[in-house]
Amino acid sequence: MGQLEPSRGRFDFATLDASLATVTAYNQARSEATLGVRLRVFAAYAAPQWAKGLDGAPITVPAHLPGNTGGTLGQWWKPGYRSAWAELQQALAGRYDTNPLVREVAVSSCTTLTAEPS
């Protein structure tokens, strides 16, 4: 999320566009075995600082928990964070919804390690 929206309302899809262009080039060169992509956008630890601070101070997760490297999280259950997340999802849908390469989307606003909420 931080890479895609470094400041609220200012979206930067350059890295994602470049990745999709790479897959497109691959598919054009190998039409017998084309690829699709799964778009996984994580928030949680990857959220930008501006989003982590919405609705209150970020939550610190200690690194000593099993399978967790620790970090800070925004308060994803509160209205400000949820609104910002929805705005990002709408921007992504507006840009990539009709792109045939995107075959699956993982919506992961509150997850920290996988695409499944824990």
Protein backbone atom coordinates (compact mmCIF):
# COMPACT_ATOMS: atom_id res chain seq x y z
CA MET A 1 0.00 0.00 0.00
CA GLY A 2 2.80 2.41 0.86
CA GLN A 3 4.37 2.02 -2.56
CA LEU A 4 1.02 2.56 -4.33
CA GLU A 5 -0.15 5.58 -2.33
CA PRO A 6 2.81 7.38 -0.74
CA SER A 7 0.56 10.27 0.33
CA ARG A 8 -3.20 10.25 0.64
CA GLY A 9 -4.92 10.50 -2.72
CA ARG A 10 -1.64 10.50 -4.69
CA PHE A 11 -1.42 7.12 -6.39
CA ASP A 12 1.74 5.74 -7.98
CA PHE A 13 1.09 2.68 -10.09
CA ALA A 14 4.40 2.80 -11.99
CA THR A 15 5.87 -0.34 -10.38
CA LEU A 16 2.68 -2.31 -10.87
CA ASP A 17 2.35 -1.10 -14.48
CA ALA A 18 5.95 -2.12 -15.16
CA SER A 19 5.34 -5.59 -13.71
CA LEU A 20 2.25 -6.06 -15.86
CA ALA A 21 4.19 -4.88 -18.92
CA THR A 22 6.82 -7.53 -18.19
CA VAL A 23 4.17 -10.25 -18.03
CA THR A 24 2.61 -8.94 -21.26
CA ALA A 25 5.98 -9.12 -23.02
CA TYR A 26 6.53 -12.64 -21.70
CA ASN A 27 3.09 -13.72 -22.93
CA GLN A 28 3.69 -12.24 -26.38
CA ALA A 29 6.94 -14.19 -26.69
CA ARG A 30 5.41 -17.45 -25.41
CA SER A 31 1.82 -17.60 -26.61
CA GLU A 32 1.69 -21.35 -25.96
CA ALA A 33 1.97 -20.86 -22.18
CA THR A 34 0.70 -17.45 -21.12
CA LEU A 35 0.66 -16.20 -17.57
CA GLY A 36 -1.86 -14.28 -15.50
CA VAL A 37 -1.24 -12.43 -12.29
CA ARG A 38 -2.64 -12.36 -8.78
CA LEU A 39 -2.76 -8.82 -7.48
CA ARG A 40 -1.98 -8.87 -3.77
CA VAL A 41 -2.00 -5.51 -2.07
CA PHE A 42 -1.08 -5.66 1.58
CA ALA A 43 -1.66 -2.90 4.06
CA ALA A 44 -0.81 -3.72 7.69
CA TYR A 45 3.00 -3.39 8.01
CA ALA A 46 3.28 -2.20 4.39
CA ALA A 47 0.87 0.71 4.89
CA PRO A 48 2.40 4.18 4.61
CA GLN A 49 2.93 6.16 7.81
CA TRP A 50 0.15 8.58 6.92
CA ALA A 51 -2.35 5.69 6.86
CA LYS A 52 -0.97 4.06 9.99
CA GLY A 53 -1.68 7.30 11.86
CA LEU A 54 -5.33 7.59 10.82
CA ASP A 55 -7.77 7.37 13.73
CA GLY A 56 -5.01 7.29 16.33
CA ALA A 57 -1.45 6.23 16.90
CA PRO A 58 -0.12 3.12 15.14
CA ILE A 59 -0.13 -0.14 17.06
CA THR A 60 3.29 -1.66 17.70
CA VAL A 61 3.50 -5.43 17.29
CA PRO A 62 6.54 -6.92 19.02
CA ALA A 63 8.92 -9.02 16.97
CA HIS A 64 9.02 -11.84 19.51
CA LEU A 65 5.65 -13.29 18.46
CA PRO A 66 5.97 -16.63 16.61
CA GLY A 67 6.32 -16.18 12.84
CA ASN A 68 6.11 -12.42 13.07
CA THR A 69 8.88 -9.90 12.47
CA GLY A 70 7.03 -7.11 14.24
CA GLY A 71 6.29 -3.61 13.10
CA THR A 72 3.53 -1.04 13.29
CA LEU A 73 -0.06 -1.30 12.11
CA GLY A 74 -2.79 1.23 11.53
CA GLN A 75 -6.13 0.87 13.25
CA TRP A 76 -7.76 -0.90 10.28
CA TRP A 77 -11.14 -1.35 11.97
CA LYS A 78 -11.75 2.39 12.35
CA PRO A 79 -13.55 4.62 9.80
CA GLY A 80 -10.62 6.75 8.62
CA TYR A 81 -8.40 3.79 7.81
CA ARG A 82 -11.26 1.84 6.21
CA SER A 83 -12.11 4.85 4.06
CA ALA A 84 -8.52 5.27 2.88
CA TRP A 85 -8.32 1.53 2.11
CA ALA A 86 -11.58 1.71 0.12
CA GLU A 87 -10.25 4.68 -1.87
CA LEU A 88 -7.14 2.70 -2.81
CA GLN A 89 -9.23 -0.32 -3.81
CA GLN A 90 -11.44 1.90 -5.97
CA ALA A 91 -8.39 3.42 -7.68
CA LEU A 92 -6.96 -0.06 -8.33
CA ALA A 93 -10.29 -1.34 -9.68
CA GLY A 94 -10.66 1.67 -11.94
CA ARG A 95 -7.23 1.10 -13.39
CA TYR A 96 -6.97 -2.70 -13.58
CA ASP A 97 -10.49 -4.18 -13.50
CA THR A 98 -10.58 -4.71 -17.26
CA ASN A 99 -6.97 -5.88 -17.56
CA PRO A 100 -7.11 -9.54 -18.64
CA LEU A 101 -3.78 -10.28 -16.96
CA VAL A 102 -5.28 -9.67 -13.50
CA ARG A 103 -7.00 -12.94 -12.73
CA GLU A 104 -7.27 -12.72 -8.96
CA VAL A 105 -7.15 -9.99 -6.35
CA ALA A 106 -6.33 -10.48 -2.67
CA VAL A 107 -7.84 -7.75 -0.52
CA SER A 108 -5.74 -7.71 2.62
CA SER A 109 -6.33 -4.55 4.61
CA CYS A 110 -5.72 -6.03 8.04
CA THR A 111 -3.42 -8.98 7.44
CA THR A 112 0.21 -9.00 8.44
CA LEU A 113 1.72 -12.19 7.02
CA THR A 114 -0.63 -13.72 4.41
CA ALA A 115 -3.70 -12.85 2.33
CA GLU A 116 -5.90 -14.50 4.97
CA PRO A 117 -7.11 -12.50 7.98
CA SER A 118 -5.89 -13.94 11.23
